[in-house]
Amino acid sequence: MYTFIFAFLVGGIICVIGQLLMDVAKLTPAHTLSTLVVAGAILDGFGLYEPLIDFAGAGATIPITSFGNALTHGALAEAEKHGLVGVVTGMFEVTSSGISAAIIFGFIAALIFHSKGKVN
């Protein structure tokens, strides 16, 4: 029962932070996205994101901050095994399925739906 509440609260707080970045700080959606990914990476670098995932579950793994967490987590894990080369390979090894899914589903959506822009 409490798991759902904590997931809702933590995920909601992350979303509120993103909305405040766009409304108050006047950041573009791209800048907001980048900021949240970097924030997740920094939190994982300090070892703070995994406890947040343990506490909030999907409330911490679904928002875009978890992508930064995954990049850093994979890079640090592979860097311990393979050194500098592991930093690069670790980032892509952990996140490749998510990136591939985003590209494939984005392509399918582009084929199915029409843009609202002017079509010649």
PDB file of N, CA and C in Angstrom:
ATOM      1  N   MET A   1       0.825  -1.198   0.000  1.00  0.00           N
ATOM      2  CA  MET A   1       0.000   0.000   0.000  1.00  0.00           C
ATOM      3  C   MET A   1       0.864   1.254   0.000  1.00  0.00           C
ATOM      4  N   TYR A   2       1.832   1.300   0.917  1.00  0.00           N
ATOM      5  CA  TYR A   2       2.677   2.486   1.009  1.00  0.00           C
ATOM      6  C   TYR A   2       3.595   2.630  -0.197  1.00  0.00           C
ATOM      7  N   THR A   3       3.912   1.524  -0.842  1.00  0.00           N
ATOM      8  CA  THR A   3       4.769   1.573  -2.025  1.00  0.00           C
ATOM      9  C   THR A   3       4.151   2.452  -3.105  1.00  0.00           C
ATOM     10  N   PHE A   4       2.846   2.319  -3.306  1.00  0.00           N
ATOM     11  CA  PHE A   4       2.169   3.134  -4.314  1.00  0.00           C
ATOM     12  C   PHE A   4       2.196   4.614  -3.950  1.00  0.00           C
ATOM     13  N   ILE A   5       2.007   4.897  -2.692  1.00  0.00           N
ATOM     14  CA  ILE A   5       2.004   6.290  -2.230  1.00  0.00           C
ATOM     15  C   ILE A   5       3.383   6.910  -2.405  1.00  0.00           C
ATOM     16  N   PHE A   6       4.423   6.185  -1.997  1.00  0.00           N
ATOM     17  CA  PHE A   6       5.787   6.706  -2.129  1.00  0.00           C
ATOM     18  C   PHE A   6       6.164   6.877  -3.598  1.00  0.00           C
ATOM     19  N   ALA A   7       5.764   5.920  -4.447  1.00  0.00           N
ATOM     20  CA  ALA A   7       6.052   6.030  -5.875  1.00  0.00           C
ATOM     21  C   ALA A   7       5.356   7.254  -6.457  1.00  0.00           C
ATOM     22  N   PHE A   8       4.102   7.464  -6.087  1.00  0.00           N
ATOM     23  CA  PHE A   8       3.347   8.612  -6.584  1.00  0.00           C
ATOM     24  C   PHE A   8       3.982   9.923  -6.126  1.00  0.00           C
ATOM     25  N   LEU A   9       4.374   9.982  -4.854  1.00  0.00           N
ATOM     26  CA  LEU A   9       4.950  11.223  -4.325  1.00  0.00           C
ATOM     27  C   LEU A   9       6.306  11.541  -4.943  1.00  0.00           C
ATOM     28  N   VAL A  10       7.184  10.559  -5.007  1.00  0.00           N
ATOM     29  CA  VAL A  10       8.525  10.802  -5.556  1.00  0.00           C
ATOM     30  C   VAL A  10       8.447  11.113  -7.050  1.00  0.00           C
ATOM     31  N   GLY A  11       7.664  10.331  -7.807  1.00  0.00           N
ATOM     32  CA  GLY A  11       7.500  10.608  -9.227  1.00  0.00           C
ATOM     33  C   GLY A  11       6.868  11.976  -9.451  1.00  0.00           C
ATOM     34  N   GLY A  12       5.903  12.326  -8.608  1.00  0.00           N
ATOM     35  CA  GLY A  12       5.265  13.632  -8.701  1.00  0.00           C
ATOM     36  C   GLY A  12       6.213  14.770  -8.408  1.00  0.00           C
ATOM     37  N   ILE A  13       7.065  14.583  -7.420  1.00  0.00           N
ATOM     38  CA  ILE A  13       8.040  15.628  -7.074  1.00  0.00           C
ATOM     39  C   ILE A  13       9.024  15.841  -8.227  1.00  0.00           C
ATOM     40  N   ILE A  14       9.459  14.751  -8.845  1.00  0.00           N
ATOM     41  CA  ILE A  14      10.367  14.881  -9.995  1.00  0.00           C
ATOM     42  C   ILE A  14       9.674  15.632 -11.129  1.00  0.00           C
ATOM     43  N   CYS A  15       8.411  15.316 -11.361  1.00  0.00           N
ATOM     44  CA  CYS A  15       7.658  16.006 -12.417  1.00  0.00           C
ATOM     45  C   CYS A  15       7.430  17.478 -12.077  1.00  0.00           C
ATOM     46  N   VAL A  16       7.173  17.775 -10.807  1.00  0.00           N
ATOM     47  CA  VAL A  16       7.000  19.173 -10.384  1.00  0.00           C
ATOM     48  C   VAL A  16       8.292  19.948 -10.601  1.00  0.00           C
ATOM     49  N   ILE A  17       9.416  19.332 -10.279  1.00  0.00           N
ATOM     50  CA  ILE A  17      10.709  19.988 -10.506  1.00  0.00           C
ATOM     51  C   ILE A  17      10.882  20.298 -11.990  1.00  0.00           C
ATOM     52  N   GLY A  18      10.556  19.336 -12.850  1.00  0.00           N
ATOM     53  CA  GLY A  18      10.655  19.565 -14.295  1.00  0.00           C
ATOM     54  C   GLY A  18       9.730  20.680 -14.757  1.00  0.00           C
ATOM     55  N   GLN A  19       8.522  20.709 -14.227  1.00  0.00           N
ATOM     56  CA  GLN A  19       7.580  21.752 -14.614  1.00  0.00           C
ATOM     57  C   GLN A  19       8.042  23.118 -14.132  1.00  0.00           C
ATOM     58  N   LEU A  20       8.595  23.177 -12.924  1.00  0.00           N
ATOM     59  CA  LEU A  20       9.115  24.444 -12.413  1.00  0.00           C
ATOM     60  C   LEU A  20      10.298  24.940 -13.235  1.00  0.00           C
ATOM     61  N   LEU A  21      11.130  24.012 -13.697  1.00  0.00           N
ATOM     62  CA  LEU A  21      12.249  24.411 -14.553  1.00  0.00           C
ATOM     63  C   LEU A  21      11.754  25.075 -15.834  1.00  0.00           C
ATOM     64  N   MET A  22      10.633  24.575 -16.364  1.00  0.00           N
ATOM     65  CA  MET A  22      10.098  25.174 -17.593  1.00  0.00           C
ATOM     66  C   MET A  22       9.327  26.459 -17.313  1.00  0.00           C
ATOM     67  N   ASP A  23       8.546  26.499 -16.228  1.00  0.00           N
ATOM     68  CA  ASP A  23       7.687  27.656 -15.965  1.00  0.00           C
ATOM     69  C   ASP A  23       8.422  28.810 -15.286  1.00  0.00           C
ATOM     70  N   VAL A  24       9.204  28.490 -14.264  1.00  0.00           N
ATOM     71  CA  VAL A  24       9.864  29.542 -13.485  1.00  0.00           C
ATOM     72  C   VAL A  24      11.217  29.911 -14.086  1.00  0.00           C
ATOM     73  N   ALA A  25      12.021  28.884 -14.377  1.00  0.00           N
ATOM     74  CA  ALA A  25      13.355  29.153 -14.915  1.00  0.00           C
ATOM     75  C   ALA A  25      13.319  29.413 -16.416  1.00  0.00           C
ATOM     76  N   LYS A  26      12.163  29.211 -17.044  1.00  0.00           N
ATOM     77  CA  LYS A  26      11.971  29.447 -18.478  1.00  0.00           C
ATOM     78  C   LYS A  26      12.919  28.618 -19.343  1.00  0.00           C
ATOM     79  N   LEU A  27      13.218  27.390 -18.899  1.00  0.00           N
ATOM     80  CA  LEU A  27      14.037  26.497 -19.709  1.00  0.00           C
ATOM     81  C   LEU A  27      13.167  25.852 -20.780  1.00  0.00           C
ATOM     82  N   THR A  28      13.757  25.567 -21.908  1.00  0.00           N
ATOM     83  CA  THR A  28      13.034  24.866 -22.961  1.00  0.00           C
ATOM     84  C   THR A  28      12.867  23.402 -22.536  1.00  0.00           C
ATOM     85  N   PRO A  29      11.943  22.667 -23.156  1.00  0.00           N
ATOM     86  CA  PRO A  29      11.811  21.251 -22.819  1.00  0.00           C
ATOM     87  C   PRO A  29      13.114  20.463 -23.005  1.00  0.00           C
ATOM     88  N   ALA A  30      13.892  20.807 -24.019  1.00  0.00           N
ATOM     89  CA  ALA A  30      15.165  20.108 -24.235  1.00  0.00           C
ATOM     90  C   ALA A  30      16.147  20.378 -23.097  1.00  0.00           C
ATOM     91  N   HIS A  31      16.207  21.635 -22.646  1.00  0.00           N
ATOM     92  CA  HIS A  31      17.088  21.963 -21.523  1.00  0.00           C
ATOM     93  C   HIS A  31      16.606  21.300 -20.240  1.00  0.00           C
ATOM     94  N   THR A  32      15.298  21.238 -20.052  1.00  0.00           N
ATOM     95  CA  THR A  32      14.740  20.587 -18.868  1.00  0.00           C
ATOM     96  C   THR A  32      15.058  19.101 -18.880  1.00  0.00           C
ATOM     97  N   LEU A  33      14.887  18.470 -20.026  1.00  0.00           N
ATOM     98  CA  LEU A  33      15.206  17.054 -20.169  1.00  0.00           C
ATOM     99  C   LEU A  33      16.672  16.794 -19.838  1.00  0.00           C
ATOM    100  N   SER A  34      17.547  17.596 -20.407  1.00  0.00           N
ATOM    101  CA  SER A  34      18.983  17.433 -20.163  1.00  0.00           C
ATOM    102  C   SER A  34      19.327  17.653 -18.696  1.00  0.00           C
ATOM    103  N   THR A  35      18.711  18.644 -18.086  1.00  0.00           N
ATOM    104  CA  THR A  35      18.965  18.941 -16.678  1.00  0.00           C
ATOM    105  C   THR A  35      18.557  17.774 -15.794  1.00  0.00           C
ATOM    106  N   LEU A  36      17.397  17.179 -16.071  1.00  0.00           N
ATOM    107  CA  LEU A  36      16.935  16.061 -15.252  1.00  0.00           C
ATOM    108  C   LEU A  36      17.790  14.815 -15.462  1.00  0.00           C
ATOM    109  N   VAL A  37      18.251  14.577 -16.689  1.00  0.00           N
ATOM    110  CA  VAL A  37      19.144  13.441 -16.929  1.00  0.00           C
ATOM    111  C   VAL A  37      20.463  13.636 -16.174  1.00  0.00           C
ATOM    112  N   VAL A  38      21.010  14.837 -16.235  1.00  0.00           N
ATOM    113  CA  VAL A  38      22.261  15.122 -15.528  1.00  0.00           C
ATOM    114  C   VAL A  38      22.058  15.022 -14.016  1.00  0.00           C
ATOM    115  N   ALA A  39      20.912  15.476 -13.523  1.00  0.00           N
ATOM    116  CA  ALA A  39      20.631  15.368 -12.088  1.00  0.00           C
ATOM    117  C   ALA A  39      20.589  13.909 -11.645  1.00  0.00           C
ATOM    118  N   GLY A  40      19.965  13.058 -12.449  1.00  0.00           N
ATOM    119  CA  GLY A  40      19.952  11.630 -12.129  1.00  0.00           C
ATOM    120  C   GLY A  40      21.337  11.027 -12.148  1.00  0.00           C
ATOM    121  N   ALA A  41      22.164  11.463 -13.101  1.00  0.00           N
ATOM    122  CA  ALA A  41      23.543  10.965 -13.185  1.00  0.00           C
ATOM    123  C   ALA A  41      24.357  11.406 -11.976  1.00  0.00           C
ATOM    124  N   ILE A  42      24.189  12.659 -11.575  1.00  0.00           N
ATOM    125  CA  ILE A  42      24.933  13.164 -10.413  1.00  0.00           C
ATOM    126  C   ILE A  42      24.493  12.453  -9.137  1.00  0.00           C
ATOM    127  N   LEU A  43      23.178  12.272  -8.977  1.00  0.00           N
ATOM    128  CA  LEU A  43      22.691  11.560  -7.794  1.00  0.00           C
ATOM    129  C   LEU A  43      23.229  10.139  -7.740  1.00  0.00           C
ATOM    130  N   ASP A  44      23.316   9.458  -8.891  1.00  0.00           N
ATOM    131  CA  ASP A  44      23.876   8.116  -8.902  1.00  0.00           C
ATOM    132  C   ASP A  44      25.375   8.137  -8.622  1.00  0.00           C
ATOM    133  N   GLY A  45      26.060   9.138  -9.124  1.00  0.00           N
ATOM    134  CA  GLY A  45      27.495   9.261  -8.863  1.00  0.00           C
ATOM    135  C   GLY A  45      27.806   9.384  -7.381  1.00  0.00           C
ATOM    136  N   PHE A  46      26.910  10.026  -6.636  1.00  0.00           N
ATOM    137  CA  PHE A  46      27.079  10.147  -5.193  1.00  0.00           C
ATOM    138  C   PHE A  46      26.428   8.996  -4.419  1.00  0.00           C
ATOM    139  N   GLY A  47      25.870   8.036  -5.148  1.00  0.00           N
ATOM    140  CA  GLY A  47      25.252   6.881  -4.501  1.00  0.00           C
ATOM    141  C   GLY A  47      23.899   7.161  -3.877  1.00  0.00           C
ATOM    142  N   LEU A  48      23.202   8.184  -4.354  1.00  0.00           N
ATOM    143  CA  LEU A  48      21.923   8.562  -3.763  1.00  0.00           C
ATOM    144  C   LEU A  48      20.715   8.081  -4.564  1.00  0.00           C
ATOM    145  N   TYR A  49      20.885   7.696  -5.809  1.00  0.00           N
ATOM    146  CA  TYR A  49      19.723   7.335  -6.619  1.00  0.00           C
ATOM    147  C   TYR A  49      19.236   5.921  -6.340  1.00  0.00           C
ATOM    148  N   GLU A  50      20.130   4.980  -6.080  1.00  0.00           N
ATOM    149  CA  GLU A  50      19.709   3.606  -5.775  1.00  0.00           C
ATOM    150  C   GLU A  50      18.852   3.544  -4.511  1.00  0.00           C
ATOM    151  N   PRO A  51      19.222   4.250  -3.426  1.00  0.00           N
ATOM    152  CA  PRO A  51      18.316   4.264  -2.270  1.00  0.00           C
ATOM    153  C   PRO A  51      16.956   4.885  -2.587  1.00  0.00           C
ATOM    154  N   LEU A  52      16.934   5.868  -3.490  1.00  0.00           N
ATOM    155  CA  LEU A  52      15.670   6.467  -3.911  1.00  0.00           C
ATOM    156  C   LEU A  52      14.826   5.442  -4.669  1.00  0.00           C
ATOM    157  N   ILE A  53      15.454   4.621  -5.507  1.00  0.00           N
ATOM    158  CA  ILE A  53      14.740   3.558  -6.221  1.00  0.00           C
ATOM    159  C   ILE A  53      14.209   2.527  -5.230  1.00  0.00           C
ATOM    160  N   ASP A  54      15.027   2.161  -4.243  1.00  0.00           N
ATOM    161  CA  ASP A  54      14.577   1.208  -3.231  1.00  0.00           C
ATOM    162  C   ASP A  54      13.381   1.747  -2.453  1.00  0.00           C
ATOM    163  N   PHE A  55      13.356   3.049  -2.223  1.00  0.00           N
ATOM    164  CA  PHE A  55      12.283   3.681  -1.457  1.00  0.00           C
ATOM    165  C   PHE A  55      11.020   3.866  -2.299  1.00  0.00           C
ATOM    166  N   ALA A  56      11.165   4.346  -3.525  1.00  0.00           N
ATOM    167  CA  ALA A  56      10.003   4.758  -4.317  1.00  0.00           C
ATOM    168  C   ALA A  56       9.674   3.831  -5.476  1.00  0.00           C
ATOM    169  N   GLY A  57      10.516   2.895  -5.803  1.00  0.00           N
ATOM    170  CA  GLY A  57      10.230   1.966  -6.897  1.00  0.00           C
ATOM    171  C   GLY A  57      10.036   2.678  -8.222  1.00  0.00           C
ATOM    172  N   ALA A  58       8.868   2.469  -8.835  1.00  0.00           N
ATOM    173  CA  ALA A  58       8.581   3.046 -10.149  1.00  0.00           C
ATOM    174  C   ALA A  58       8.553   4.566 -10.122  1.00  0.00           C
ATOM    175  N   GLY A  59       8.326   5.163  -8.963  1.00  0.00           N
ATOM    176  CA  GLY A  59       8.343   6.621  -8.866  1.00  0.00           C
ATOM    177  C   GLY A  59       9.709   7.205  -9.165  1.00  0.00           C
ATOM    178  N   ALA A  60      10.753   6.374  -9.036  1.00  0.00           N
ATOM    179  CA  ALA A  60      12.109   6.827  -9.341  1.00  0.00           C
ATOM    180  C   ALA A  60      12.662   6.204 -10.618  1.00  0.00           C
ATOM    181  N   THR A  61      12.099   5.071 -11.058  1.00  0.00           N
ATOM    182  CA  THR A  61      12.640   4.426 -12.257  1.00  0.00           C
ATOM    183  C   THR A  61      11.951   4.868 -13.541  1.00  0.00           C
ATOM    184  N   ILE A  62      10.745   5.382 -13.470  1.00  0.00           N
ATOM    185  CA  ILE A  62      10.018   5.788 -14.672  1.00  0.00           C
ATOM    186  C   ILE A  62      10.431   7.174 -15.177  1.00  0.00           C
ATOM    187  N   PRO A  63      10.601   8.183 -14.320  1.00  0.00           N
ATOM    188  CA  PRO A  63      10.980   9.518 -14.833  1.00  0.00           C
ATOM    189  C   PRO A  63      12.336   9.509 -15.533  1.00  0.00           C
ATOM    190  N   ILE A  64      12.593  10.545 -16.292  1.00  0.00           N
ATOM    191  CA  ILE A  64      13.805  10.635 -17.113  1.00  0.00           C
ATOM    192  C   ILE A  64      15.079  10.688 -16.270  1.00  0.00           C
ATOM    193  N   THR A  65      14.971  11.029 -15.005  1.00  0.00           N
ATOM    194  CA  THR A  65      16.158  11.042 -14.149  1.00  0.00           C
ATOM    195  C   THR A  65      16.793   9.658 -14.051  1.00  0.00           C
ATOM    196  N   SER A  66      15.982   8.612 -14.200  1.00  0.00           N
ATOM    197  CA  SER A  66      16.540   7.261 -14.112  1.00  0.00           C
ATOM    198  C   SER A  66      17.410   6.928 -15.322  1.00  0.00           C
ATOM    199  N   PHE A  67      17.220   7.639 -16.440  1.00  0.00           N
ATOM    200  CA  PHE A  67      18.098   7.429 -17.588  1.00  0.00           C
ATOM    201  C   PHE A  67      19.515   7.888 -17.257  1.00  0.00           C
ATOM    202  N   GLY A  68      19.629   9.037 -16.607  1.00  0.00           N
ATOM    203  CA  GLY A  68      20.942   9.493 -16.143  1.00  0.00           C
ATOM    204  C   GLY A  68      21.538   8.534 -15.142  1.00  0.00           C
ATOM    205  N   ASN A  69      20.692   8.009 -14.273  1.00  0.00           N
ATOM    206  CA  ASN A  69      21.135   7.010 -13.305  1.00  0.00           C
ATOM    207  C   ASN A  69      21.671   5.775 -14.024  1.00  0.00           C
ATOM    208  N   ALA A  70      20.946   5.295 -15.037  1.00  0.00           N
ATOM    209  CA  ALA A  70      21.378   4.103 -15.768  1.00  0.00           C
ATOM    210  C   ALA A  70      22.688   4.337 -16.504  1.00  0.00           C
ATOM    211  N   LEU A  71      22.837   5.513 -17.115  1.00  0.00           N
ATOM    212  CA  LEU A  71      24.089   5.827 -17.813  1.00  0.00           C
ATOM    213  C   LEU A  71      25.276   5.791 -16.866  1.00  0.00           C
ATOM    214  N   THR A  72      25.133   6.466 -15.746  1.00  0.00           N
ATOM    215  CA  THR A  72      26.235   6.534 -14.778  1.00  0.00           C
ATOM    216  C   THR A  72      26.495   5.188 -14.129  1.00  0.00           C
ATOM    217  N   HIS A  73      25.410   4.502 -13.774  1.00  0.00           N
ATOM    218  CA  HIS A  73      25.545   3.204 -13.119  1.00  0.00           C
ATOM    219  C   HIS A  73      26.286   2.218 -14.017  1.00  0.00           C
ATOM    220  N   GLY A  74      25.903   2.168 -15.290  1.00  0.00           N
ATOM    221  CA  GLY A  74      26.575   1.272 -16.231  1.00  0.00           C
ATOM    222  C   GLY A  74      28.015   1.662 -16.469  1.00  0.00           C
ATOM    223  N   ALA A  75      28.264   2.961 -16.588  1.00  0.00           N
ATOM    224  CA  ALA A  75      29.635   3.428 -16.834  1.00  0.00           C
ATOM    225  C   ALA A  75      30.540   3.115 -15.657  1.00  0.00           C
ATOM    226  N   LEU A  76      30.064   3.343 -14.441  1.00  0.00           N
ATOM    227  CA  LEU A  76      30.894   3.081 -13.259  1.00  0.00           C
ATOM    228  C   LEU A  76      31.135   1.594 -13.061  1.00  0.00           C
ATOM    229  N   ALA A  77      30.112   0.772 -13.307  1.00  0.00           N
ATOM    230  CA  ALA A  77      30.267  -0.674 -13.139  1.00  0.00           C
ATOM    231  C   ALA A  77      31.277  -1.243 -14.135  1.00  0.00           C
ATOM    232  N   GLU A  78      31.180  -0.821 -15.387  1.00  0.00           N
ATOM    233  CA  GLU A  78      32.115  -1.322 -16.401  1.00  0.00           C
ATOM    234  C   GLU A  78      33.501  -0.702 -16.262  1.00  0.00           C
ATOM    235  N   ALA A  79      33.597   0.510 -15.720  1.00  0.00           N
ATOM    236  CA  ALA A  79      34.902   1.143 -15.522  1.00  0.00           C
ATOM    237  C   ALA A  79      35.719   0.358 -14.501  1.00  0.00           C
ATOM    238  N   GLU A  80      35.054  -0.211 -13.511  1.00  0.00           N
ATOM    239  CA  GLU A  80      35.762  -1.027 -12.522  1.00  0.00           C
ATOM    240  C   GLU A  80      36.340  -2.283 -13.148  1.00  0.00           C
ATOM    241  N   LYS A  81      35.637  -2.842 -14.152  1.00  0.00           N
ATOM    242  CA  LYS A  81      36.081  -4.083 -14.785  1.00  0.00           C
ATOM    243  C   LYS A  81      37.092  -3.847 -15.899  1.00  0.00           C
ATOM    244  N   HIS A  82      36.825  -2.810 -16.751  1.00  0.00           N
ATOM    245  CA  HIS A  82      37.604  -2.653 -17.979  1.00  0.00           C
ATOM    246  C   HIS A  82      38.320  -1.314 -18.109  1.00  0.00           C
ATOM    247  N   GLY A  83      38.286  -0.496 -17.095  1.00  0.00           N
ATOM    248  CA  GLY A  83      38.974   0.790 -17.147  1.00  0.00           C
ATOM    249  C   GLY A  83      38.239   1.809 -17.995  1.00  0.00           C
ATOM    250  N   LEU A  84      39.004   2.660 -18.677  1.00  0.00           N
ATOM    251  CA  LEU A  84      38.438   3.770 -19.439  1.00  0.00           C
ATOM    252  C   LEU A  84      37.520   3.303 -20.569  1.00  0.00           C
ATOM    253  N   VAL A  85      37.856   2.214 -21.226  1.00  0.00           N
ATOM    254  CA  VAL A  85      37.010   1.691 -22.301  1.00  0.00           C
ATOM    255  C   VAL A  85      35.656   1.264 -21.735  1.00  0.00           C
ATOM    256  N   GLY A  86      35.652   0.753 -20.518  1.00  0.00           N
ATOM    257  CA  GLY A  86      34.415   0.330 -19.874  1.00  0.00           C
ATOM    258  C   GLY A  86      33.441   1.459 -19.626  1.00  0.00           C
ATOM    259  N   VAL A  87      33.950   2.687 -19.472  1.00  0.00           N
ATOM    260  CA  VAL A  87      33.064   3.837 -19.258  1.00  0.00           C
ATOM    261  C   VAL A  87      32.143   4.000 -20.461  1.00  0.00           C
ATOM    262  N   VAL A  88      32.706   3.933 -21.652  1.00  0.00           N
ATOM    263  CA  VAL A  88      31.917   4.127 -22.872  1.00  0.00           C
ATOM    264  C   VAL A  88      31.015   2.927 -23.126  1.00  0.00           C
ATOM    265  N   THR A  89      31.564   1.724 -23.033  1.00  0.00           N
ATOM    266  CA  THR A  89      30.763   0.541 -23.330  1.00  0.00           C
ATOM    267  C   THR A  89      29.687   0.311 -22.281  1.00  0.00           C
ATOM    268  N   GLY A  90      29.957   0.654 -21.049  1.00  0.00           N
ATOM    269  CA  GLY A  90      28.978   0.452 -19.980  1.00  0.00           C
ATOM    270  C   GLY A  90      27.743   1.306 -20.132  1.00  0.00           C
ATOM    271  N   MET A  91      27.929   2.548 -20.576  1.00  0.00           N
ATOM    272  CA  MET A  91      26.782   3.432 -20.773  1.00  0.00           C
ATOM    273  C   MET A  91      25.829   2.856 -21.803  1.00  0.00           C
ATOM    274  N   PHE A  92      26.370   2.361 -22.909  1.00  0.00           N
ATOM    275  CA  PHE A  92      25.520   1.883 -23.993  1.00  0.00           C
ATOM    276  C   PHE A  92      24.982   0.481 -23.726  1.00  0.00           C
ATOM    277  N   GLU A  93      25.723  -0.307 -22.976  1.00  0.00           N
ATOM    278  CA  GLU A  93      25.271  -1.662 -22.677  1.00  0.00           C
ATOM    279  C   GLU A  93      23.997  -1.641 -21.832  1.00  0.00           C
ATOM    280  N   VAL A  94      23.939  -0.765 -20.859  1.00  0.00           N
ATOM    281  CA  VAL A  94      22.797  -0.710 -19.953  1.00  0.00           C
ATOM    282  C   VAL A  94      21.598  -0.036 -20.600  1.00  0.00           C
ATOM    283  N   THR A  95      21.815   0.968 -21.432  1.00  0.00           N
ATOM    284  CA  THR A  95      20.711   1.771 -21.957  1.00  0.00           C
ATOM    285  C   THR A  95      20.313   1.432 -23.392  1.00  0.00           C
ATOM    286  N   SER A  96      20.990   0.483 -24.009  1.00  0.00           N
ATOM    287  CA  SER A  96      20.736   0.221 -25.431  1.00  0.00           C
ATOM    288  C   SER A  96      19.308  -0.231 -25.712  1.00  0.00           C
ATOM    289  N   SER A  97      18.723  -1.033 -24.863  1.00  0.00           N
ATOM    290  CA  SER A  97      17.351  -1.501 -25.128  1.00  0.00           C
ATOM    291  C   SER A  97      16.361  -0.348 -25.053  1.00  0.00           C
ATOM    292  N   GLY A  98      16.531   0.560 -24.104  1.00  0.00           N
ATOM    293  CA  GLY A  98      15.635   1.711 -24.003  1.00  0.00           C
ATOM    294  C   GLY A  98      15.769   2.657 -25.175  1.00  0.00           C
ATOM    295  N   ILE A  99      16.995   2.892 -25.597  1.00  0.00           N
ATOM    296  CA  ILE A  99      17.228   3.770 -26.744  1.00  0.00           C
ATOM    297  C   ILE A  99      16.651   3.132 -28.016  1.00  0.00           C
ATOM    298  N   SER A 100      16.874   1.840 -28.187  1.00  0.00           N
ATOM    299  CA  SER A 100      16.349   1.145 -29.369  1.00  0.00           C
ATOM    300  C   SER A 100      14.829   1.187 -29.402  1.00  0.00           C
ATOM    301  N   ALA A 101      14.205   0.951 -28.257  1.00  0.00           N
ATOM    302  CA  ALA A 101      12.741   0.985 -28.199  1.00  0.00           C
ATOM    303  C   ALA A 101      12.215   2.377 -28.539  1.00  0.00           C
ATOM    304  N   ALA A 102      12.867   3.419 -28.040  1.00  0.00           N
ATOM    305  CA  ALA A 102      12.427   4.784 -28.325  1.00  0.00           C
ATOM    306  C   ALA A 102      12.520   5.092 -29.814  1.00  0.00           C
ATOM    307  N   ILE A 103      13.584   4.654 -30.454  1.00  0.00           N
ATOM    308  CA  ILE A 103      13.744   4.888 -31.896  1.00  0.00           C
ATOM    309  C   ILE A 103      12.693   4.122 -32.689  1.00  0.00           C
ATOM    310  N   ILE A 104      12.495   2.853 -32.359  1.00  0.00           N
ATOM    311  CA  ILE A 104      11.546   2.016 -33.104  1.00  0.00           C
ATOM    312  C   ILE A 104      10.117   2.522 -32.931  1.00  0.00           C
ATOM    313  N   PHE A 105       9.701   2.786 -31.688  1.00  0.00           N
ATOM    314  CA  PHE A 105       8.329   3.240 -31.455  1.00  0.00           C
ATOM    315  C   PHE A 105       8.102   4.656 -31.983  1.00  0.00           C
ATOM    316  N   GLY A 106       9.129   5.489 -31.956  1.00  0.00           N
ATOM    317  CA  GLY A 106       9.022   6.814 -32.549  1.00  0.00           C
ATOM    318  C   GLY A 106       8.834   6.745 -34.053  1.00  0.00           C
ATOM    319  N   PHE A 107       9.549   5.831 -34.693  1.00  0.00           N
ATOM    320  CA  PHE A 107       9.410   5.636 -36.135  1.00  0.00           C
ATOM    321  C   PHE A 107       8.015   5.125 -36.487  1.00  0.00           C
ATOM    322  N   ILE A 108       7.525   4.156 -35.707  1.00  0.00           N
ATOM    323  CA  ILE A 108       6.184   3.611 -35.959  1.00  0.00           C
ATOM    324  C   ILE A 108       5.124   4.693 -35.772  1.00  0.00           C
ATOM    325  N   ALA A 109       5.258   5.494 -34.722  1.00  0.00           N
ATOM    326  CA  ALA A 109       4.300   6.582 -34.493  1.00  0.00           C
ATOM    327  C   ALA A 109       4.340   7.595 -35.622  1.00  0.00           C
ATOM    328  N   ALA A 110       5.528   7.872 -36.148  1.00  0.00           N
ATOM    329  CA  ALA A 110       5.649   8.816 -37.262  1.00  0.00           C
ATOM    330  C   ALA A 110       4.982   8.275 -38.520  1.00  0.00           C
ATOM    331  N   LEU A 111       4.994   6.964 -38.707  1.00  0.00           N
ATOM    332  CA  LEU A 111       4.332   6.379 -39.866  1.00  0.00           C
ATOM    333  C   LEU A 111       2.807   6.392 -39.726  1.00  0.00           C
ATOM    334  N   ILE A 112       2.323   6.220 -38.513  1.00  0.00           N
ATOM    335  CA  ILE A 112       0.882   6.114 -38.291  1.00  0.00           C
ATOM    336  C   ILE A 112       0.203   7.478 -38.215  1.00  0.00           C
ATOM    337  N   PHE A 113       0.788   8.409 -37.484  1.00  0.00           N
ATOM    338  CA  PHE A 113       0.141   9.676 -37.233  1.00  0.00           C
ATOM    339  C   PHE A 113       0.709  10.775 -38.118  1.00  0.00           C
ATOM    340  N   HIS A 114      -0.105  11.779 -38.392  1.00  0.00           N
ATOM    341  CA  HIS A 114       0.305  12.917 -39.196  1.00  0.00           C
ATOM    342  C   HIS A 114       0.682  14.059 -38.284  1.00  0.00           C
ATOM    343  N   SER A 115       1.720  14.796 -38.659  1.00  0.00           N
ATOM    344  CA  SER A 115       2.134  15.939 -37.855  1.00  0.00           C
ATOM    345  C   SER A 115       1.130  17.078 -37.999  1.00  0.00           C
ATOM    346  N   LYS A 116       1.127  17.971 -37.038  1.00  0.00           N
ATOM    347  CA  LYS A 116       0.226  19.124 -37.077  1.00  0.00           C
ATOM    348  C   LYS A 116       0.802  20.254 -37.917  1.00  0.00           C
ATOM    349  N   GLY A 117       2.034  20.119 -38.319  1.00  0.00           N
ATOM    350  CA  GLY A 117       2.675  21.134 -39.142  1.00  0.00           C
ATOM    351  C   GLY A 117       2.161  21.118 -40.561  1.00  0.00           C
ATOM    352  N   LYS A 118       2.612  22.062 -41.335  1.00  0.00           N
ATOM    353  CA  LYS A 118       2.194  22.187 -42.728  1.00  0.00           C
ATOM    354  C   LYS A 118       2.840  21.088 -43.568  1.00  0.00           C
ATOM    355  N   VAL A 119       2.021  20.388 -44.322  1.00  0.00           N
ATOM    356  CA  VAL A 119       2.498  19.319 -45.184  1.00  0.00           C
ATOM    357  C   VAL A 119       2.353  19.787 -46.625  1.00  0.00           C
ATOM    358  N   ASN A 120       3.410  19.688 -47.407  1.00  0.00           N
ATOM    359  CA  ASN A 120       3.359  20.120 -48.818  1.00  0.00           C
ATOM    360  C   ASN A 120       2.845  19.029 -49.701  1.00  0.00           C
TER     361      ASN A 120
END
